[in-house]
Protein backbone atom coordinates (compact mmCIF):
# COMPACT_ATOMS: atom_id res chain seq x y z
CA UNK A 1 79.55 -43.75 -5.64
CA UNK A 2 76.80 -43.67 -8.25
CA UNK A 3 73.94 -41.41 -9.18
CA UNK A 4 70.95 -42.89 -10.99
CA UNK A 5 68.31 -40.68 -12.61
CA UNK A 6 64.91 -41.95 -13.77
CA UNK A 7 62.86 -39.96 -16.30
CA UNK A 8 59.71 -40.52 -18.33
CA UNK A 9 56.82 -38.74 -20.00
CA UNK A 10 54.68 -37.08 -17.32
CA UNK A 11 57.02 -38.39 -14.62
CA UNK A 12 58.93 -36.10 -12.20
CA UNK A 13 62.67 -36.65 -12.45
CA UNK A 14 63.86 -38.99 -9.69
CA UNK A 15 67.52 -39.10 -8.64
CA UNK A 16 68.97 -41.80 -6.40
CA UNK A 17 72.36 -42.17 -4.76
CA UNK A 18 74.34 -45.19 -3.64
CA UNK A 19 72.56 -47.18 -0.97
CA UNK A 20 69.07 -46.20 -2.13
CA UNK A 21 66.28 -48.29 -3.65
CA UNK A 22 63.31 -47.24 -5.78
CA UNK A 23 60.19 -49.30 -6.50
CA UNK A 24 58.18 -48.25 -9.56
CA UNK A 25 55.07 -49.48 -11.35
CA UNK A 26 51.34 -48.86 -11.51
CA UNK A 27 50.88 -48.74 -7.72
CA UNK A 28 54.17 -49.71 -6.03
CA UNK A 29 53.76 -48.12 -2.58
CA UNK A 30 52.74 -51.41 -0.92
CA UNK A 31 56.10 -52.93 -1.83
CA UNK A 32 57.89 -50.50 0.47
CA UNK A 33 58.64 -51.97 3.94
CA UNK A 34 56.97 -50.53 7.02
CA UNK A 35 57.92 -46.99 7.92
CA UNK A 36 61.16 -46.46 9.78
CA UNK A 37 63.64 -43.58 9.75
CA UNK A 38 66.08 -45.66 7.71
CA UNK A 39 63.47 -46.85 5.20
CA UNK A 40 62.09 -43.35 4.75
CA UNK A 41 65.50 -42.16 3.62
CA UNK A 42 66.68 -45.20 1.65
CA UNK A 43 63.59 -46.79 0.08
CA UNK A 44 61.05 -44.87 -2.00
CA UNK A 45 58.31 -45.66 -4.51
CA UNK A 46 56.85 -43.85 -7.50
CA UNK A 47 53.78 -44.63 -9.59
CA UNK A 48 54.27 -44.32 -13.34
CA UNK A 49 51.59 -42.14 -14.98
CA UNK A 50 48.95 -43.52 -17.35
CA UNK A 51 49.79 -47.16 -16.79
CA UNK A 52 47.50 -49.66 -18.49
CA UNK A 53 45.36 -51.72 -16.07
CA UNK A 54 47.23 -54.91 -16.96
CA UNK A 55 50.57 -53.41 -15.86
CA UNK A 56 51.77 -54.89 -12.57
CA UNK A 57 51.53 -52.82 -9.41
CA UNK A 58 55.27 -53.27 -8.94
CA UNK A 59 57.17 -53.40 -12.21
CA UNK A 60 60.75 -52.96 -11.11
CA UNK A 61 63.06 -52.49 -8.16
CA UNK A 62 66.04 -50.23 -8.84
CA UNK A 63 68.88 -50.87 -6.39
CA UNK A 64 71.85 -48.49 -6.37
CA UNK A 65 75.07 -49.82 -4.87
CA UNK A 66 78.46 -48.23 -4.42
CA UNK A 67 79.71 -49.29 -7.87
CA UNK A 68 76.77 -50.96 -9.65
CA UNK A 69 73.08 -50.29 -10.31
CA UNK A 70 70.83 -53.33 -10.48
CA UNK A 71 67.32 -53.65 -11.92
CA UNK A 72 65.22 -56.45 -10.44
CA UNK A 73 62.08 -57.07 -12.51
CA UNK A 74 58.77 -57.96 -10.85
CA UNK A 75 56.36 -57.24 -13.72
CA UNK A 76 54.42 -60.04 -15.35
CA UNK A 77 54.69 -58.69 -18.91
CA UNK A 78 57.59 -58.54 -21.32
CA UNK A 79 59.89 -55.54 -21.20
CA UNK A 80 62.94 -54.55 -23.21
CA UNK A 81 66.04 -52.83 -21.81
CA UNK A 82 68.45 -51.24 -24.28
CA UNK A 83 71.63 -49.28 -23.67
CA UNK A 84 74.61 -47.69 -25.38
CA UNK A 85 78.02 -48.18 -23.85
CA UNK A 86 81.71 -48.11 -24.78
CA UNK A 87 82.46 -51.76 -25.41
CA UNK A 88 83.44 -53.84 -28.45
CA UNK A 89 79.91 -55.21 -28.65
CA UNK A 90 78.36 -51.73 -28.81
CA UNK A 91 74.68 -51.39 -27.98
CA UNK A 92 72.68 -54.18 -26.38
CA UNK A 93 68.97 -54.94 -26.07
CA UNK A 94 67.60 -57.60 -23.79
CA UNK A 95 64.09 -58.73 -22.90
CA UNK A 96 63.42 -59.13 -19.19
CA UNK A 97 60.61 -61.12 -17.62
CA UNK A 98 59.35 -61.63 -14.09
CA UNK A 99 62.05 -62.66 -11.64
CA UNK A 100 64.99 -61.57 -13.79
CA UNK A 101 67.72 -59.23 -12.60
CA UNK A 102 70.34 -57.35 -14.59
CA UNK A 103 73.12 -54.83 -14.08
CA UNK A 104 72.57 -51.49 -15.78
CA UNK A 105 75.31 -50.02 -17.94
CA UNK A 106 76.83 -46.66 -17.21
CA UNK A 107 75.07 -44.01 -19.28
CA UNK A 108 71.49 -44.10 -20.53
CA UNK A 109 69.41 -47.27 -20.31
CA UNK A 110 66.05 -47.26 -22.08
CA UNK A 111 63.27 -49.33 -20.52
CA UNK A 112 60.25 -50.12 -22.72
CA UNK A 113 57.20 -51.82 -21.21
CA UNK A 114 55.36 -53.21 -24.23
CA UNK A 115 51.72 -52.08 -24.41
CA UNK A 116 52.11 -50.61 -20.94
CA UNK A 117 50.75 -47.08 -21.46
CA UNK A 118 47.07 -46.25 -21.64
CA UNK A 119 46.20 -44.30 -24.81
CA UNK A 120 42.45 -43.74 -24.99
CA UNK A 121 40.82 -47.12 -25.46
CA UNK A 122 44.03 -48.84 -26.55
CA UNK A 123 47.69 -49.12 -25.48
CA UNK A 124 51.11 -47.75 -26.42
CA UNK A 125 54.56 -48.73 -25.20
CA UNK A 126 55.59 -47.17 -21.89
CA UNK A 127 59.14 -45.80 -21.98
CA UNK A 128 61.33 -44.91 -19.00
CA UNK A 129 64.93 -43.68 -19.15
CA UNK A 130 67.40 -44.73 -16.43
CA UNK A 131 70.72 -42.88 -16.50
CA UNK A 132 73.65 -44.21 -14.47
CA UNK A 133 76.53 -41.79 -13.79
CA UNK A 134 79.34 -41.44 -11.26
CA UNK A 135 78.12 -39.38 -8.32
CA UNK A 136 78.89 -35.66 -8.33
CA UNK A 137 78.75 -33.12 -5.54
CA UNK A 138 75.15 -31.99 -6.20
CA UNK A 139 72.24 -32.98 -3.97
CA UNK A 140 70.35 -36.22 -4.47
CA UNK A 141 66.61 -35.68 -4.95
CA UNK A 142 64.39 -38.56 -3.82
CA UNK A 143 60.69 -38.83 -4.50
CA UNK A 144 58.38 -38.94 -1.48
CA UNK A 145 56.22 -42.00 -1.15
CA UNK A 146 52.72 -41.42 -2.61
CA UNK A 147 49.79 -41.08 -0.25
CA UNK A 148 47.71 -44.23 0.18
CA UNK A 149 44.61 -42.38 -0.99
CA UNK A 150 46.29 -41.58 -4.32
CA UNK A 151 47.45 -45.13 -5.03
CA UNK A 152 45.69 -47.29 -7.59
CA UNK A 153 44.47 -50.25 -5.54
CA UNK A 154 42.78 -51.99 -8.45
CA UNK A 155 43.89 -55.54 -9.10
CA UNK A 156 46.12 -56.06 -12.12
CA UNK A 157 43.99 -56.91 -15.14
CA UNK A 158 45.00 -59.49 -17.76
CA UNK A 159 46.77 -58.08 -20.81
CA UNK A 160 44.67 -57.96 -24.00
CA UNK A 161 45.24 -61.15 -25.97
CA UNK A 162 43.94 -62.94 -29.05
CA UNK A 163 41.14 -65.46 -28.41
CA UNK A 164 42.80 -68.87 -28.26
CA UNK A 165 42.44 -71.02 -31.37
CA UNK A 166 40.65 -68.25 -33.22
CA UNK A 167 41.50 -67.46 -36.83
CA UNK A 168 43.72 -64.53 -35.81
CA UNK A 169 45.43 -66.65 -33.13
CA UNK A 170 46.46 -69.25 -35.70
CA UNK A 171 47.64 -66.56 -38.15
CA UNK A 172 49.74 -65.03 -35.36
CA UNK A 173 51.19 -68.45 -34.58
CA UNK A 174 52.21 -69.00 -38.20
CA UNK A 175 53.59 -65.47 -38.50
CA UNK A 176 55.67 -65.74 -35.31
CA UNK A 177 56.82 -69.33 -35.85
CA UNK A 178 60.41 -68.41 -36.88
CA UNK A 179 60.95 -66.70 -33.50
CA UNK A 180 59.08 -69.28 -31.45
CA UNK A 181 61.00 -72.17 -33.00
CA UNK A 182 64.37 -70.45 -32.62
CA UNK A 183 64.92 -69.95 -36.36
CA UNK A 184 64.65 -66.14 -36.37
CA UNK A 185 67.34 -65.98 -39.06
CA UNK A 186 64.63 -67.19 -41.45
CA UNK A 187 65.32 -65.27 -44.68
CA UNK A 188 61.77 -63.96 -45.08
CA UNK A 189 58.41 -63.93 -43.30
CA UNK A 190 55.90 -66.58 -44.36
CA UNK A 191 53.74 -65.83 -47.39
CA UNK A 192 49.94 -65.82 -47.26
CA UNK A 193 49.92 -69.27 -48.86
CA UNK A 194 52.40 -70.63 -46.32
CA UNK A 195 50.35 -69.22 -43.45
CA UNK A 196 47.23 -70.91 -44.86
CA UNK A 197 49.04 -74.25 -45.23
CA UNK A 198 50.48 -74.13 -41.69
CA UNK A 199 47.05 -73.46 -40.19
CA UNK A 200 45.50 -76.23 -42.26
CA UNK A 201 48.23 -78.55 -40.98
CA UNK A 202 47.71 -77.59 -37.33
CA UNK A 203 43.96 -77.20 -37.18
CA UNK A 204 42.56 -79.16 -40.11
CA UNK A 205 40.38 -76.18 -40.98
CA UNK A 206 41.62 -72.79 -42.17
CA UNK A 207 38.45 -70.69 -42.32
CA UNK A 208 38.62 -68.62 -45.54
CA UNK A 209 42.37 -68.05 -45.40
CA UNK A 210 42.93 -69.52 -48.84
CA UNK A 211 41.95 -66.01 -49.90
CA UNK A 212 45.00 -63.77 -49.54
CA UNK A 213 42.93 -60.75 -48.51
CA UNK A 214 41.61 -62.61 -45.47
CA UNK A 215 45.16 -63.34 -44.31
CA UNK A 216 46.05 -59.66 -44.74
CA UNK A 217 42.97 -58.66 -42.73
CA UNK A 218 43.98 -60.98 -39.89
CA UNK A 219 47.56 -59.63 -39.88
CA UNK A 220 46.22 -56.07 -39.64
CA UNK A 221 44.15 -57.05 -36.59
CA UNK A 222 47.18 -58.69 -34.98
CA UNK A 223 49.33 -55.63 -35.70
CA UNK A 224 46.80 -53.26 -34.12
CA UNK A 225 46.74 -55.35 -30.94
CA UNK A 226 50.51 -55.88 -30.82
CA UNK A 227 51.64 -52.30 -31.48
CA UNK A 228 48.72 -50.00 -30.67
CA UNK A 229 47.72 -47.12 -32.96
CA UNK A 230 50.83 -45.01 -32.38
CA UNK A 231 53.37 -47.58 -33.57
CA UNK A 232 51.24 -49.76 -35.86
CA UNK A 233 53.39 -50.21 -39.00
CA UNK A 234 50.28 -50.36 -41.17
CA UNK A 235 49.42 -46.82 -40.05
CA UNK A 236 52.93 -45.57 -40.80
CA UNK A 237 52.29 -45.95 -44.53
CA UNK A 238 55.91 -46.63 -45.42
CA UNK A 239 58.25 -49.58 -45.74
CA UNK A 240 58.12 -52.73 -47.78
CA UNK A 241 55.26 -55.12 -47.06
CA UNK A 242 57.68 -57.93 -46.23
CA UNK A 243 59.53 -55.74 -43.70
CA UNK A 244 56.21 -54.83 -42.06
CA UNK A 245 55.21 -58.48 -41.82
CA UNK A 246 58.59 -59.40 -40.37
CA UNK A 247 58.24 -56.69 -37.69
CA UNK A 248 54.75 -57.91 -36.76
CA UNK A 249 55.91 -61.50 -36.47
CA UNK A 250 58.77 -60.54 -34.17
CA UNK A 251 56.62 -58.27 -32.04
CA UNK A 252 53.93 -60.95 -31.73
CA UNK A 253 56.50 -63.33 -30.25
CA UNK A 254 58.11 -60.67 -28.03
CA UNK A 255 54.88 -59.73 -26.26
CA UNK A 256 53.74 -63.37 -26.14
CA UNK A 257 50.50 -63.05 -28.06
CA UNK A 258 51.49 -66.61 -28.94
CA UNK A 259 54.15 -68.71 -27.23
CA UNK A 260 56.41 -71.69 -27.76
CA UNK A 261 53.94 -73.70 -25.67
CA UNK A 262 51.19 -72.73 -28.13
CA UNK A 263 53.35 -73.89 -31.04
CA UNK A 264 54.10 -77.21 -29.34
CA UNK A 265 50.40 -77.70 -28.65
CA UNK A 266 49.50 -77.06 -32.30
CA UNK A 267 52.15 -79.51 -33.49
CA UNK A 268 50.90 -82.18 -31.08
CA UNK A 269 47.35 -81.67 -32.34
CA UNK A 270 48.54 -82.20 -35.92
CA UNK A 271 50.50 -85.29 -34.87
CA UNK A 272 47.42 -86.80 -33.23
CA UNK A 273 45.58 -86.40 -36.53
CA UNK A 274 48.62 -87.96 -38.29
CA UNK A 275 48.93 -85.02 -40.67
CA UNK A 276 52.32 -84.53 -42.33
CA UNK A 277 53.69 -80.95 -42.29
CA UNK A 278 53.44 -78.94 -45.53
CA UNK A 279 56.39 -79.13 -47.87
CA UNK A 280 58.93 -76.34 -47.53
């Protein structure tokens, strides 16, 4: 028998026992099957507070079995799950996308929905803790299903993105290329000059990016969109510039501001113009 406890900022603590299921997200009540005595006891839903409008109505489905707890992901955005557990490999962190399912480790599992929390006119990461423990003798507390009048019925909005083929979009593509191409062991992030040359190769025109300050300005804009004001490394005011740039490149790929499909498209455009890639 298991007990699973879900916690988060502004969220009432929810505790589930074996045989129970919890739907959670921006407005997950519609995912719950029609009322029946069995469903009322075994299947519940809870809306996460201060969700951004682009967060899916149903983010996840938490299913508690006799010996395992399973998270089935329904959200359209990228989310990270990290945990600490007693195993030779130590801690793990995985990125889950829509349609994926994973078993949760015993102990605390941290769920981070990137740019999922509304913070004024911008977005922060939305964090939820899921703790899996063997069941004790205490009571299991389930959340009641929210009233229909309180649910957010608004359609899921698109996540904020960079305008395609804009200057910042191409800078983000060059910055995230090591992760998009599968070479994330690249020893250092690309320099301003390398970013300029990659964009010139892909697009044939690189705006005013031959000036290093213009590249820095574009990276700052990308960082603000990717991290939000709370976690923006440029606002932290510490750390080496190269480490900051590396973090922005990785984050840009993780939240899919640019994608592998975008990189392939840029390479095909350069090939059509018969432009050789810049020298390494």
